[in-house]
C-alpha atoms as a PDB file:
ATOM      1  CA  MET A   1      33.322 -90.281 112.675  1.00  0.00           C
ATOM      2  CA  ALA A   2      36.678 -89.985 110.583  1.00  0.00           C
ATOM      3  CA  ARG A   3      38.419 -87.024 109.897  1.00  0.00           C
ATOM      4  CA  ILE A   4      39.732 -87.743 106.299  1.00  0.00           C
ATOM      5  CA  ASN A   5      42.121 -84.558 105.466  1.00  0.00           C
ATOM      6  CA  LEU A   6      41.677 -83.641 101.443  1.00  0.00           C
ATOM      7  CA  LEU A   7      43.378 -80.447 101.593  1.00  0.00           C
ATOM      8  CA  PRO A   8      46.218 -81.300 100.029  1.00  0.00           C
ATOM      9  CA  TRP A   9      44.828 -83.705  97.065  1.00  0.00           C
ATOM     10  CA  ARG A  10      42.743 -80.109  96.665  1.00  0.00           C
ATOM     11  CA  ALA A  11      46.050 -78.494  96.209  1.00  0.00           C
ATOM     12  CA  GLU A  12      47.113 -80.401  94.270  1.00  0.00           C
ATOM     13  CA  LEU A  13      44.698 -80.004  92.433  1.00  0.00           C
ATOM     14  CA  ARG A  14      44.151 -76.510  92.486  1.00  0.00           C
ATOM     15  CA  LYS A  15      48.057 -76.349  91.131  1.00  0.00           C
ATOM     16  CA  GLN A  16      47.788 -78.584  88.180  1.00  0.00           C
ATOM     17  CA  LYS A  17      44.617 -76.720  87.005  1.00  0.00           C
ATOM     18  CA  GLN A  18      46.287 -73.401  88.008  1.00  0.00           C
ATOM     19  CA  LYS A  19      49.824 -75.102  85.607  1.00  0.00           C
ATOM     20  CA  GLU A  20      47.056 -75.788  83.112  1.00  0.00           C
ATOM     21  CA  PHE A  21      45.221 -72.422  83.236  1.00  0.00           C
ATOM     22  CA  ALA A  22      48.836 -70.433  82.841  1.00  0.00           C
ATOM     23  CA  ALA A  23      49.916 -73.152  80.051  1.00  0.00           C
ATOM     24  CA  LEU A  24      46.572 -72.273  78.192  1.00  0.00           C
ATOM     25  CA  ALA A  25      46.656 -68.860  78.968  1.00  0.00           C
ATOM     26  CA  GLY A  26      50.659 -69.030  77.909  1.00  0.00           C
ATOM     27  CA  GLY A  27      49.075 -70.971  74.828  1.00  0.00           C
ATOM     28  CA  ALA A  28      46.603 -68.448  73.967  1.00  0.00           C
ATOM     29  CA  ALA A  29      49.333 -65.647  74.273  1.00  0.00           C
ATOM     30  CA  VAL A  30      51.564 -67.238  71.629  1.00  0.00           C
ATOM     31  CA  LEU A  31      48.657 -67.619  69.333  1.00  0.00           C
ATOM     32  CA  MET A  32      47.282 -64.223  69.865  1.00  0.00           C
ATOM     33  CA  VAL A  33      50.648 -63.129  69.097  1.00  0.00           C
ATOM     34  CA  LEU A  34      51.159 -65.034  65.954  1.00  0.00           C
ATOM     35  CA  VAL A  35      47.591 -64.104  64.970  1.00  0.00           C
ATOM     36  CA  ILE A  36      48.575 -60.780  65.234  1.00  0.00           C
ATOM     37  CA  ALA A  37      51.597 -60.875  63.594  1.00  0.00           C
ATOM     38  CA  LEU A  38      49.874 -63.129  61.099  1.00  0.00           C
ATOM     39  CA  VAL A  39      47.717 -59.899  60.496  1.00  0.00           C
ATOM     40  CA  HIS A  40      50.315 -57.760  61.014  1.00  0.00           C
ATOM     41  CA  VAL A  41      52.204 -59.420  58.265  1.00  0.00           C
ATOM     42  CA  GLN A  42      49.357 -59.437  55.903  1.00  0.00           C
ATOM     43  CA  VAL A  43      48.303 -56.137  56.287  1.00  0.00           C
ATOM     44  CA  SER A  44      51.663 -54.983  55.244  1.00  0.00           C
ATOM     45  CA  GLY A  45      51.516 -57.060  51.864  1.00  0.00           C
ATOM     46  CA  ALA A  46      48.394 -55.203  51.334  1.00  0.00           C
ATOM     47  CA  ILE A  47      49.940 -51.633  52.106  1.00  0.00           C
ATOM     48  CA  ASP A  48      53.410 -52.180  50.840  1.00  0.00           C
ATOM     49  CA  ASN A  49      51.109 -54.232  47.304  1.00  0.00           C
ATOM     50  CA  GLN A  50      48.617 -50.893  47.231  1.00  0.00           C
ATOM     51  CA  ASN A  51      51.823 -48.751  47.615  1.00  0.00           C
ATOM     52  CA  ALA A  52      52.856 -50.288  44.573  1.00  0.00           C
ATOM     53  CA  ARG A  53      50.103 -49.887  42.625  1.00  0.00           C
ATOM     54  CA  ASN A  54      49.632 -46.065  43.293  1.00  0.00           C
ATOM     55  CA  GLN A  55      53.302 -46.305  42.448  1.00  0.00           C
ATOM     56  CA  PHE A  56      52.113 -48.049  38.740  1.00  0.00           C
ATOM     57  CA  LEU A  57      49.716 -45.372  38.463  1.00  0.00           C
ATOM     58  CA  GLN A  58      51.100 -42.239  39.472  1.00  0.00           C
ATOM     59  CA  ALA A  59      53.986 -43.271  36.711  1.00  0.00           C
ATOM     60  CA  GLU A  60      50.903 -43.826  34.078  1.00  0.00           C
ATOM     61  CA  ILE A  61      49.546 -40.721  35.164  1.00  0.00           C
ATOM     62  CA  ARG A  62      53.036 -38.950  34.336  1.00  0.00           C
ATOM     63  CA  THR A  63      52.798 -40.664  30.734  1.00  0.00           C
ATOM     64  CA  VAL A  64      49.657 -40.069  30.178  1.00  0.00           C
ATOM     65  CA  GLU A  65      50.051 -35.741  31.589  1.00  0.00           C
ATOM     66  CA  GLY A  66      52.674 -35.709  29.055  1.00  0.00           C
ATOM     67  CA  GLN A  67      51.138 -36.777  25.730  1.00  0.00           C
ATOM     68  CA  ILE A  68      47.971 -34.448  27.159  1.00  0.00           C
ATOM     69  CA  LYS A  69      51.150 -31.771  26.960  1.00  0.00           C
ATOM     70  CA  GLU A  70      52.371 -33.242  23.852  1.00  0.00           C
ATOM     71  CA  ILE A  71      48.605 -33.256  22.291  1.00  0.00           C
ATOM     72  CA  LYS A  72      48.040 -29.291  23.560  1.00  0.00           C
ATOM     73  CA  ASP A  73      51.480 -27.788  22.111  1.00  0.00           C
ATOM     74  CA  LEU A  74      50.071 -29.699  18.648  1.00  0.00           C
ATOM     75  CA  GLU A  75      46.640 -28.796  18.811  1.00  0.00           C
ATOM     76  CA  LEU A  76      48.272 -25.065  19.495  1.00  0.00           C
ATOM     77  CA  ALA A  77      50.616 -25.404  16.353  1.00  0.00           C
ATOM     78  CA  LYS A  78      47.452 -26.616  14.456  1.00  0.00           C
ATOM     79  CA  GLU A  79      45.399 -23.509  15.316  1.00  0.00           C
ATOM     80  CA  GLN A  80      48.945 -21.202  14.320  1.00  0.00           C
ATOM     81  CA  LEU A  81      49.354 -23.679  10.626  1.00  0.00           C
ATOM     82  CA  VAL A  82      45.341 -22.414  10.066  1.00  0.00           C
ATOM     83  CA  ALA A  83      45.724 -19.018  11.208  1.00  0.00           C
ATOM     84  CA  ARG A  84      48.408 -18.676   9.117  1.00  0.00           C
ATOM     85  CA  MET A  85      46.492 -20.648   6.261  1.00  0.00           C
ATOM     86  CA  LYS A  86      43.865 -18.451   6.686  1.00  0.00           C
ATOM     87  CA  VAL A  87      46.307 -15.286   6.154  1.00  0.00           C
ATOM     88  CA  ILE A  88      47.775 -16.375   3.425  1.00  0.00           C
ATOM     89  CA  GLU A  89      44.637 -17.359   1.024  1.00  0.00           C
ATOM     90  CA  GLN A  90      43.332 -13.889   2.496  1.00  0.00           C
ATOM     91  CA  LEU A  91      46.348 -12.746   0.659  1.00  0.00           C
ATOM     92  CA  GLN A  92      45.895 -14.786  -2.201  1.00  0.00           C
ATOM     93  CA  ARG A  93      42.377 -14.140  -2.387  1.00  0.00           C
ATOM     94  CA  GLY A  94      42.785  -9.841  -2.438  1.00  0.00           C
ATOM     95  CA  ARG A  95      46.190 -10.473  -4.976  1.00  0.00           C
ATOM     96  CA  PRO A  96      44.048  -9.173  -8.017  1.00  0.00           C
ATOM     97  CA  ALA A  97      41.848  -6.982  -5.621  1.00  0.00           C
ATOM     98  CA  VAL A  98      45.219  -4.045  -5.907  1.00  0.00           C
ATOM     99  CA  VAL A  99      45.114  -4.746  -9.673  1.00  0.00           C
ATOM    100  CA  HIS A 100      41.270  -4.346 -10.245  1.00  0.00           C
ATOM    101  CA  VAL A 101      41.354  -1.253  -8.141  1.00  0.00           C
ATOM    102  CA  PHE A 102      43.931   0.109  -9.726  1.00  0.00           C
ATOM    103  CA  ASP A 103      42.159  -0.158 -12.631  1.00  0.00           C
ATOM    104  CA  GLU A 104      39.133   1.524 -11.760  1.00  0.00           C
ATOM    105  CA  LEU A 105      41.498   4.411 -10.530  1.00  0.00           C
ATOM    106  CA  VAL A 106      42.915   4.814 -14.141  1.00  0.00           C
ATOM    107  CA  THR A 107      39.733   4.608 -15.878  1.00  0.00           C
ATOM    108  CA  ALA A 108      37.615   6.737 -13.224  1.00  0.00           C
ATOM    109  CA  THR A 109      40.198   9.471 -13.565  1.00  0.00           C
ATOM    110  CA  PRO A 110      39.091  12.055 -15.973  1.00  0.00           C
ATOM    111  CA  ASP A 111      41.101  14.193 -18.202  1.00  0.00           C
ATOM    112  CA  GLY A 112      42.170  17.774 -16.961  1.00  0.00           C
ATOM    113  CA  LEU A 113      42.722  15.455 -13.220  1.00  0.00           C
ATOM    114  CA  TYR A 114      45.414  13.508 -11.820  1.00  0.00           C
ATOM    115  CA  LEU A 115      46.612  11.550  -8.624  1.00  0.00           C
ATOM    116  CA  THR A 116      49.275  13.219  -5.927  1.00  0.00           C
ATOM    117  CA  GLY A 117      48.872  10.484  -3.587  1.00  0.00           C
ATOM    118  CA  LEU A 118      47.546   7.753  -2.666  1.00  0.00           C
ATOM    119  CA  VAL A 119      47.119   5.995   1.399  1.00  0.00           C
ATOM    120  CA  GLN A 120      45.650   2.653   2.298  1.00  0.00           C
ATOM    121  CA  LYS A 121      45.088   1.594   5.771  1.00  0.00           C
ATOM    122  CA  GLY A 122      42.990  -1.425   5.158  1.00  0.00           C
ATOM    123  CA  ARG A 123      39.699  -0.792   3.183  1.00  0.00           C
ATOM    124  CA  THR A 124      39.908   2.680   2.800  1.00  0.00           C
ATOM    125  CA  LEU A 125      41.947   4.505   0.151  1.00  0.00           C
ATOM    126  CA  SER A 126      43.002   8.009   0.667  1.00  0.00           C
ATOM    127  CA  ILE A 127      43.657   9.838  -2.846  1.00  0.00           C
ATOM    128  CA  GLU A 128      45.035  13.240  -3.083  1.00  0.00           C
ATOM    129  CA  GLY A 129      45.499  15.158  -6.673  1.00  0.00           C
ATOM    130  CA  MET A 130      45.299  17.767  -8.339  1.00  0.00           C
ATOM    131  CA  ALA A 131      42.003  19.041 -11.012  1.00  0.00           C
ATOM    132  CA  GLN A 132      41.529  22.037 -13.315  1.00  0.00           C
ATOM    133  CA  SER A 133      37.910  22.605 -11.945  1.00  0.00           C
ATOM    134  CA  ASN A 134      35.358  21.338  -9.466  1.00  0.00           C
ATOM    135  CA  ALA A 135      33.435  19.254 -12.039  1.00  0.00           C
ATOM    136  CA  ARG A 136      36.243  17.121 -12.702  1.00  0.00           C
ATOM    137  CA  VAL A 137      36.389  15.988  -8.808  1.00  0.00           C
ATOM    138  CA  SER A 138      32.532  15.423  -9.074  1.00  0.00           C
ATOM    139  CA  THR A 139      33.541  12.986 -12.542  1.00  0.00           C
ATOM    140  CA  LEU A 140      36.077  11.933 -10.004  1.00  0.00           C
ATOM    141  CA  MET A 141      33.696  10.686  -7.548  1.00  0.00           C
ATOM    142  CA  ARG A 142      30.624   9.120  -9.632  1.00  0.00           C
ATOM    143  CA  ASN A 143      32.842   7.773 -11.053  1.00  0.00           C
ATOM    144  CA  LEU A 144      34.306   6.001  -8.553  1.00  0.00           C
ATOM    145  CA  ASP A 145      31.031   5.645  -6.558  1.00  0.00           C
ATOM    146  CA  ALA A 146      29.611   3.574 -10.088  1.00  0.00           C
ATOM    147  CA  SER A 147      32.887   1.528  -9.973  1.00  0.00           C
ATOM    148  CA  PRO A 148      31.945  -2.556  -8.657  1.00  0.00           C
ATOM    149  CA  TRP A 149      35.656  -1.793  -6.825  1.00  0.00           C
ATOM    150  CA  LEU A 150      34.720   0.667  -4.745  1.00  0.00           C
ATOM    151  CA  GLU A 151      32.244   2.978  -3.293  1.00  0.00           C
ATOM    152  CA  ASN A 152      30.813   5.466  -0.982  1.00  0.00           C
ATOM    153  CA  PRO A 153      33.870   8.180  -2.327  1.00  0.00           C
ATOM    154  CA  VAL A 154      33.540  11.401   0.832  1.00  0.00           C
ATOM    155  CA  LEU A 155      35.006  14.911  -0.396  1.00  0.00           C
ATOM    156  CA  GLU A 156      37.669  15.808   2.832  1.00  0.00           C
ATOM    157  CA  ILE A 157      39.079  19.151   1.323  1.00  0.00           C
ATOM    158  CA  ILE A 158      39.382  21.237  -2.015  1.00  0.00           C
ATOM    159  CA  GLN A 159      41.387  24.303  -2.703  1.00  0.00           C
ATOM    160  CA  ALA A 160      41.730  26.338  -5.074  1.00  0.00           C
ATOM    161  CA  GLN A 161      45.573  27.318  -5.896  1.00  0.00           C
ATOM    162  CA  ASN A 162      46.987  30.763  -7.351  1.00  0.00           C
ATOM    163  CA  ASN A 163      47.743  29.250 -11.269  1.00  0.00           C
ATOM    164  CA  GLY A 164      43.227  28.456 -11.284  1.00  0.00           C
ATOM    165  CA  SER A 165      43.642  24.550  -9.997  1.00  0.00           C
ATOM    166  CA  ARG A 166      42.070  23.110  -7.449  1.00  0.00           C
ATOM    167  CA  LYS A 167      43.572  20.588  -4.967  1.00  0.00           C
ATOM    168  CA  PHE A 168      41.365  17.898  -3.261  1.00  0.00           C
ATOM    169  CA  LYS A 169      42.363  14.726  -1.214  1.00  0.00           C
ATOM    170  CA  LEU A 170      38.339  12.586  -0.765  1.00  0.00           C
ATOM    171  CA  ARG A 171      38.233   9.248   0.973  1.00  0.00           C
ATOM    172  CA  VAL A 172      36.886   6.394  -0.743  1.00  0.00           C
ATOM    173  CA  THR A 173      36.348   2.440   0.618  1.00  0.00           C
ATOM    174  CA  GLN A 174      37.209  -0.859  -1.393  1.00  0.00           C
ATOM    175  CA  SER A 175      33.908  -2.836  -1.683  1.00  0.00           C
ATOM    176  CA  ASP A 176      32.907  -6.111  -0.276  1.00  0.00           C
ATOM    177  CA  GLN A 177      33.390  -7.935  -3.660  1.00  0.00           C
ATOM    178  CA  ALA A 178      37.684  -6.348  -3.650  1.00  0.00           C
ATOM    179  CA  THR A 179      38.389  -8.427  -0.353  1.00  0.00           C
ATOM    180  CA  LYS A 180      36.836 -11.564  -1.292  1.00  0.00           C
END
């Protein structure tokens, strides 16, 4: 039989297949590098876009927080104004009460008794004075208790003086009607 040597043809075919494989592998590598670069550019763009959105949102949040602070400041100012208005309203309502209290003190004070001191702390009045007798002090206390503007008179001290008069000190409370 004749011998045909196919080795060089197979070697050339193998070399050609290796070249094709290398070209395909190189093409695939280049294509993969391009795909990776494209994905990288795409992801970088998405990250940049998200960072821009985050910065925009943070700027809007700062703006809204500033507005919230202004609103809180305005609410605080409003509360302070309302509190002042309430105090002024109470003072306006209480203005005539002083006149009524003094009027009641004048009408409740019997003859033979005079007042030497009057101190008010809150709704409590401390009254000091001189009287000719204990009965005059009792009359004053009954008159104060009967008053619509004053209530609950309490005698604290009554002392006899050398000249026969009585020095007294009592407390009386303004009624709710006086503070309305």
